[in-house]
Amino acid sequence: MKRISICFAVYQNQGALKPLYERMAHELRTYFPQYEYELLFVNDGSKDNSLNEILELKEHDKNIKVISFSRNFGQMAAILAGWKYAAGDVIINMAADLQDPPEQCTKMIKEWEEGNEIVISYRSTHKTSSLNRFTSRVFYKLLLPSAPPGGFDFALLDRKALDVINSLKEHHRFYQYDILWIGFKVKFIPYDKLERKIGKSQYNSFKRFRNFYSAFLNVSYLPLRILSFIGVFVALSGFLYAINILYAYFAKDTPFKGWAPIMILILIIGGLTMLMIGIIGEYIWRILDEVKKRPNYIIDKRYE
C-alpha cells in the first residue's frame, strides 16, 4: 500500500495538537482508506507541554511518529527534519497551529492522485494584520515572482520531488524557492488561512525580517549587483567633481573655503564603502557557515 506522510513543525503548540490530530486522522481514514499514513511531529525545542501531548496521542495511534530536537533550531530545521525522515510516497508539510485546515489536505491529495507532483495551497484570505499581508506580498514579489501573491507554506510533494529537495545540501535554505526551483508538475490551489484560536504565534516581526534577509541573500545576487552600480556611480561622480575642483583651481576660484566639501565626500564614500564591505561580509559568512558543515538540527530523541 502507498503511504501518506503529514509533517508538522511543532513549537509551543500546546492545546492545538489534539484537535489537529483528530481532524487530520478523520480526513485520512474517511477519504483515503486505501493508503497507509503516518503523522510525523517534529518538536522544535518547545518549552510548554507540546511534546507530552504528542506522546499521549502516540499511545493511542501507532501511526504517529515523533522527533524531538535538543533545543529550538527554528521552523526551517523542523521542516527539513520532517522531510528527511518521512517515509511516505507523498508528503505534506503544514503548520501545527490549526491555521492550515486539515480538510485542505484532502483536496491536495486528490490533486496528487490526478498526477500533480507538487501541490501548493496558497492563502486567498487570512486573518493576519494588513502590515503582515503587505510585507508578505513585497517579500515574495521580490524573491519569488512566480509564487502566488503572499507566498505559501502549505505544500504537498511527491516522493520523487522530495528526494530531489532532500539532495540539496545548502545550510541556509528558503524552501519555497527550492520547491519551485526543482520543476516538476505544480498545481496551485487556494484556501482560507484560519485565525489562530489556541496559543500565540511565535513568528514576530523580528523573525519575519530575519527570514526575509536570509532568503534574500540566499537566492539573489541583487545586493552585489546594486553595490556594483552604486560604486560605479559614486566613482564617476567623484571623478566629475574632481574635474570641477581642478578647473576651479586653475581659474583661481577654489570652491571650498572650509572643510565641508571634503567632509561630505568622506562621509558619503566612507559610508558606501562600509555598506559594501558589510554586505560582502554577509556572503563570506555564509560561505564559512557552509564550509563548517554543521547540521541544521540535533535530534534529542526519536519516538517510532
Protein backbone atom coordinates (compact mmCIF):
# COMPACT_ATOMS: atom_id res chain seq x y z
CA MET A 1 0.00 0.00 0.00
CA LYS A 2 1.09 3.54 -0.69
CA ARG A 3 1.66 5.78 2.30
CA ILE A 4 0.78 9.40 3.06
CA SER A 5 3.09 11.35 5.38
CA ILE A 6 1.93 14.54 7.09
CA CYS A 7 4.74 16.55 8.70
CA PHE A 8 4.15 19.12 11.44
CA ALA A 9 6.74 21.56 12.77
CA VAL A 10 5.77 21.94 16.44
CA TYR A 11 6.82 24.86 18.61
CA GLN A 12 4.77 25.96 21.61
CA ASN A 13 1.55 24.44 20.20
CA GLN A 14 0.15 23.14 23.47
CA GLY A 15 -3.61 22.73 23.28
CA ALA A 16 -3.83 22.68 19.48
CA LEU A 17 -2.28 19.27 18.91
CA LYS A 18 -5.13 17.00 19.98
CA PRO A 19 -7.81 18.69 17.82
CA LEU A 20 -5.28 18.86 14.97
CA TYR A 21 -4.66 15.12 15.24
CA GLU A 22 -8.37 14.27 15.47
CA ARG A 23 -9.27 16.27 12.37
CA MET A 24 -6.29 15.05 10.39
CA ALA A 25 -6.83 11.38 11.26
CA HIS A 26 -10.54 11.72 10.41
CA GLU A 27 -9.73 13.08 6.94
CA LEU A 28 -7.24 10.34 6.15
CA ARG A 29 -9.35 7.47 7.47
CA THR A 30 -12.53 8.73 5.83
CA TYR A 31 -11.31 9.70 2.36
CA PHE A 32 -8.16 7.61 1.87
CA PRO A 33 -8.66 4.18 3.49
CA GLN A 34 -6.71 2.66 0.57
CA TYR A 35 -3.49 4.28 1.87
CA GLU A 36 -1.40 3.83 4.98
CA TYR A 37 -0.50 7.05 6.74
CA GLU A 38 1.97 8.48 9.21
CA LEU A 39 1.77 11.71 11.20
CA LEU A 40 5.28 12.98 11.85
CA PHE A 41 5.55 15.61 14.59
CA VAL A 42 8.88 17.45 14.88
CA ASN A 43 9.17 19.09 18.29
CA ASP A 44 11.42 22.12 17.81
CA GLY A 45 12.52 22.52 21.42
CA SER A 46 9.09 23.51 22.76
CA LYS A 47 9.18 24.66 26.39
CA ASP A 48 5.48 24.07 27.01
CA ASN A 49 3.65 20.73 27.22
CA SER A 50 3.62 20.11 23.44
CA LEU A 51 5.89 17.05 23.50
CA ASN A 52 3.89 15.32 26.26
CA GLU A 53 0.65 15.98 24.37
CA ILE A 54 2.06 14.32 21.25
CA LEU A 55 3.35 11.34 23.22
CA GLU A 56 -0.09 10.88 24.80
CA LEU A 57 -1.63 10.80 21.34
CA LYS A 58 1.01 8.33 20.19
CA GLU A 59 -0.08 5.85 22.87
CA HIS A 60 -3.41 5.50 21.02
CA ASP A 61 -2.19 5.66 17.42
CA LYS A 62 0.86 3.74 16.19
CA ASN A 63 0.87 5.86 13.03
CA ILE A 64 2.24 8.83 14.99
CA LYS A 65 6.00 9.36 14.91
CA VAL A 66 7.87 11.97 16.89
CA ILE A 67 11.23 13.67 16.51
CA SER A 68 12.35 15.90 19.37
CA PHE A 69 15.22 18.38 18.99
CA SER A 70 17.77 19.08 21.71
CA ARG A 71 16.80 22.78 21.56
CA ASN A 72 14.95 25.24 19.36
CA PHE A 73 16.59 25.28 15.90
CA GLY A 74 13.82 27.12 14.03
CA GLN A 75 10.97 26.26 11.70
CA MET A 76 13.18 25.60 8.68
CA ALA A 77 15.19 22.99 10.60
CA ALA A 78 11.99 21.27 11.75
CA ILE A 79 10.65 21.16 8.19
CA LEU A 80 13.91 19.68 6.89
CA ALA A 81 13.89 17.00 9.60
CA GLY A 82 10.31 16.07 8.75
CA TRP A 83 11.18 15.76 5.08
CA LYS A 84 14.26 13.68 5.79
CA TYR A 85 12.52 11.10 7.99
CA ALA A 86 9.13 10.97 6.23
CA ALA A 87 8.59 7.53 4.68
CA GLY A 88 5.53 8.27 2.56
CA ASP A 89 5.01 8.17 -1.19
CA VAL A 90 3.54 11.63 -0.81
CA ILE A 91 4.41 14.16 1.89
CA ILE A 92 2.52 17.22 3.10
CA ASN A 93 4.16 19.96 5.14
CA MET A 94 1.72 22.01 7.23
CA ALA A 95 1.52 24.16 10.35
CA ALA A 96 0.62 22.67 13.73
CA ASP A 97 -1.44 25.63 14.96
CA LEU A 98 -4.70 24.80 13.10
CA GLN A 99 -4.41 27.87 10.87
CA ASP A 100 -3.90 25.43 7.99
CA PRO A 101 -7.13 23.38 7.95
CA PRO A 102 -6.56 19.59 7.78
CA GLU A 103 -9.50 19.39 5.38
CA GLN A 104 -7.36 21.14 2.77
CA CYS A 105 -5.05 18.09 2.74
CA THR A 106 -7.88 16.05 1.21
CA LYS A 107 -8.03 18.41 -1.77
CA MET A 108 -4.25 18.34 -2.12
CA ILE A 109 -4.03 14.54 -2.08
CA LYS A 110 -6.76 14.31 -4.71
CA GLU A 111 -4.75 16.69 -6.92
CA TRP A 112 -1.73 14.41 -6.41
CA GLU A 113 -3.83 11.43 -7.48
CA GLU A 114 -4.54 13.37 -10.69
CA GLY A 115 -0.82 13.33 -11.47
CA ASN A 116 0.43 16.60 -9.95
CA GLU A 117 3.81 16.02 -8.32
CA ILE A 118 3.76 19.24 -6.31
CA VAL A 119 0.56 20.77 -4.90
CA ILE A 120 0.79 24.17 -3.25
CA SER A 121 -2.00 25.64 -1.16
CA TYR A 122 -1.77 29.42 -1.12
CA ARG A 123 -3.66 31.82 1.11
CA SER A 124 -6.53 33.52 -0.66
CA THR A 125 -7.59 35.12 2.64
CA HIS A 126 -6.14 35.14 6.11
CA LYS A 127 -6.71 36.88 9.41
CA THR A 128 -3.29 38.46 9.88
CA SER A 129 -2.71 42.22 10.04
CA SER A 130 -2.62 44.46 6.98
CA LEU A 131 1.07 45.11 7.62
CA ASN A 132 1.90 41.38 7.59
CA ARG A 133 -0.08 40.86 4.39
CA PHE A 134 1.67 43.80 2.72
CA THR A 135 5.18 42.72 3.77
CA SER A 136 4.49 39.13 2.64
CA ARG A 137 3.42 40.35 -0.80
CA VAL A 138 6.53 42.54 -1.13
CA PHE A 139 8.76 39.71 0.10
CA TYR A 140 7.53 37.17 -2.43
CA LYS A 141 7.27 39.71 -5.24
CA LEU A 142 10.98 40.44 -4.83
CA LEU A 143 12.22 36.89 -4.33
CA LEU A 144 9.67 34.59 -5.98
CA PRO A 145 7.72 36.40 -8.70
CA SER A 146 6.33 33.04 -9.89
CA ALA A 147 4.78 32.31 -6.47
CA PRO A 148 1.20 33.29 -5.62
CA PRO A 149 0.81 36.77 -4.04
CA GLY A 150 1.68 36.47 -0.37
CA GLY A 151 3.59 33.23 -0.92
CA PHE A 152 2.88 29.84 0.61
CA ASP A 153 3.85 27.49 3.45
CA PHE A 154 1.41 24.63 2.93
CA ALA A 155 2.76 22.19 0.33
CA LEU A 156 2.50 18.60 -0.91
CA LEU A 157 5.45 16.84 -2.51
CA ASP A 158 5.53 13.56 -4.38
CA ARG A 159 8.32 11.24 -3.24
CA LYS A 160 10.28 11.93 -6.44
CA ALA A 161 10.17 15.67 -5.82
CA LEU A 162 11.01 15.29 -2.14
CA ASP A 163 14.05 13.13 -2.90
CA VAL A 164 15.40 15.95 -5.05
CA ILE A 165 14.70 18.50 -2.27
CA ASN A 166 16.48 16.27 0.25
CA SER A 167 19.51 16.03 -2.04
CA LEU A 168 20.11 19.79 -1.73
CA LYS A 169 22.84 20.38 0.82
CA GLU A 170 22.85 24.12 1.48
CA HIS A 171 22.85 25.07 5.15
CA HIS A 172 20.75 28.20 4.68
CA ARG A 173 17.51 27.24 2.98
CA PHE A 174 14.49 29.02 1.53
CA TYR A 175 12.26 26.02 0.95
CA GLN A 176 9.59 27.81 -1.09
CA TYR A 177 12.30 28.75 -3.58
CA ASP A 178 13.63 25.16 -3.56
CA ILE A 179 10.17 23.72 -4.28
CA LEU A 180 9.61 25.96 -7.30
CA TRP A 181 13.22 25.70 -8.48
CA ILE A 182 13.23 21.89 -8.92
CA GLY A 183 10.47 21.97 -11.54
CA PHE A 184 8.04 19.04 -11.92
CA LYS A 185 4.30 19.41 -12.39
CA VAL A 186 2.93 22.03 -9.98
CA LYS A 187 -0.66 22.74 -9.07
CA PHE A 188 -1.73 25.83 -7.08
CA ILE A 189 -4.97 25.72 -5.13
CA PRO A 190 -6.36 28.45 -2.83
CA TYR A 191 -7.52 28.13 0.76
CA ASP A 192 -8.62 30.36 3.60
CA LYS A 193 -5.99 30.64 6.31
CA LEU A 194 -7.80 30.50 9.64
CA GLU A 195 -7.39 32.68 12.67
CA ARG A 196 -5.28 31.16 15.41
CA LYS A 197 -7.57 30.37 18.34
CA ILE A 198 -5.23 28.35 20.58
CA GLY A 199 -1.92 29.72 21.78
CA LYS A 200 0.07 32.66 20.48
CA SER A 201 2.11 32.97 17.32
CA GLN A 202 5.89 32.76 17.85
CA TYR A 203 6.52 34.39 14.45
CA ASN A 204 7.18 38.03 15.36
CA SER A 205 8.30 40.97 13.22
CA PHE A 206 11.97 40.37 14.02
CA LYS A 207 11.76 36.75 12.79
CA ARG A 208 9.92 37.88 9.68
CA PHE A 209 12.67 40.37 8.86
CA ARG A 210 15.41 37.83 9.65
CA ASN A 211 13.83 35.27 7.35
CA PHE A 212 13.42 37.85 4.59
CA TYR A 213 17.03 38.97 4.91
CA SER A 214 18.32 35.39 4.98
CA ALA A 215 16.22 34.34 1.98
CA PHE A 216 17.18 37.48 0.06
CA LEU A 217 20.90 36.77 0.45
CA ASN A 218 20.35 33.07 -0.21
CA VAL A 219 18.61 33.26 -3.56
CA SER A 220 19.60 36.63 -5.01
CA TYR A 221 22.81 38.26 -6.21
CA LEU A 222 20.94 41.56 -6.46
CA PRO A 223 22.66 43.18 -3.42
CA LEU A 224 26.09 42.66 -5.00
CA ARG A 225 24.87 43.99 -8.34
CA ILE A 226 23.30 47.04 -6.70
CA LEU A 227 26.55 47.73 -4.86
CA SER A 228 28.48 47.46 -8.11
CA PHE A 229 26.22 50.05 -9.76
CA ILE A 230 26.44 52.32 -6.70
CA GLY A 231 30.22 52.00 -6.71
CA VAL A 232 30.39 52.96 -10.40
CA PHE A 233 28.02 55.90 -9.84
CA VAL A 234 29.96 57.19 -6.83
CA ALA A 235 33.31 56.78 -8.60
CA LEU A 236 32.02 58.61 -11.68
CA SER A 237 30.53 61.39 -9.55
CA GLY A 238 33.82 61.73 -7.68
CA PHE A 239 35.74 61.92 -10.96
CA LEU A 240 33.44 64.64 -12.32
CA TYR A 241 33.67 66.58 -9.07
CA ALA A 242 37.46 66.29 -9.17
CA ILE A 243 37.47 67.84 -12.68
CA ASN A 244 35.32 70.67 -11.36
CA ILE A 245 37.72 71.29 -8.48
CA LEU A 246 40.72 71.16 -10.84
CA TYR A 247 39.09 73.73 -13.14
CA ALA A 248 38.31 75.97 -10.19
CA TYR A 249 41.91 75.66 -9.04
CA PHE A 250 43.33 76.89 -12.38
CA ALA A 251 40.66 79.56 -12.59
CA LYS A 252 41.74 80.69 -9.15
CA ASP A 253 38.22 80.20 -7.93
CA THR A 254 38.68 77.45 -5.38
CA PRO A 255 35.19 76.46 -4.29
CA PHE A 256 35.94 75.42 -0.70
CA LYS A 257 36.60 77.91 2.00
CA GLY A 258 36.35 75.24 4.66
CA TRP A 259 36.25 71.55 5.17
CA ALA A 260 32.57 70.97 4.28
CA PRO A 261 33.01 69.58 0.73
CA ILE A 262 35.83 67.31 1.86
CA MET A 263 33.83 66.03 4.82
CA ILE A 264 30.75 65.41 2.66
CA LEU A 265 32.77 63.33 0.22
CA ILE A 266 34.49 61.43 3.02
CA LEU A 267 31.18 60.66 4.71
CA ILE A 268 29.42 59.56 1.52
CA ILE A 269 32.26 57.47 0.14
CA GLY A 270 33.16 56.09 3.57
CA GLY A 271 29.54 55.15 4.29
CA LEU A 272 29.13 53.43 0.92
CA THR A 273 32.40 51.57 1.41
CA MET A 274 31.30 50.29 4.81
CA LEU A 275 27.93 49.26 3.38
CA MET A 276 29.61 47.34 0.57
CA ILE A 277 32.04 45.63 2.93
CA GLY A 278 29.19 44.70 5.27
CA ILE A 279 27.06 43.04 2.60
CA ILE A 280 30.04 41.27 1.05
CA GLY A 281 30.88 40.13 4.58
CA GLU A 282 27.43 38.58 4.87
CA TYR A 283 28.12 36.47 1.79
CA ILE A 284 31.55 35.48 3.11
CA TRP A 285 29.98 34.47 6.44
CA ARG A 286 27.55 32.24 4.57
CA ILE A 287 30.44 30.61 2.71
CA LEU A 288 32.15 29.98 6.07
CA ASP A 289 28.93 28.54 7.50
CA GLU A 290 28.61 26.18 4.54
CA VAL A 291 32.25 25.07 4.86
CA LYS A 292 31.75 24.21 8.55
CA LYS A 293 29.06 21.68 7.55
CA ARG A 294 27.34 21.82 10.91
CA PRO A 295 23.93 20.10 10.97
CA ASN A 296 20.77 22.19 10.75
CA TYR A 297 19.45 20.47 13.86
CA ILE A 298 20.34 17.98 16.59
CA ILE A 299 17.87 15.25 17.49
CA ASP A 300 17.50 14.52 21.18
CA LYS A 301 15.18 11.53 20.75
CA ARG A 302 13.02 9.78 18.16
CA TYR A 303 9.79 8.01 19.03
CA GLU A 304 8.91 5.47 16.33
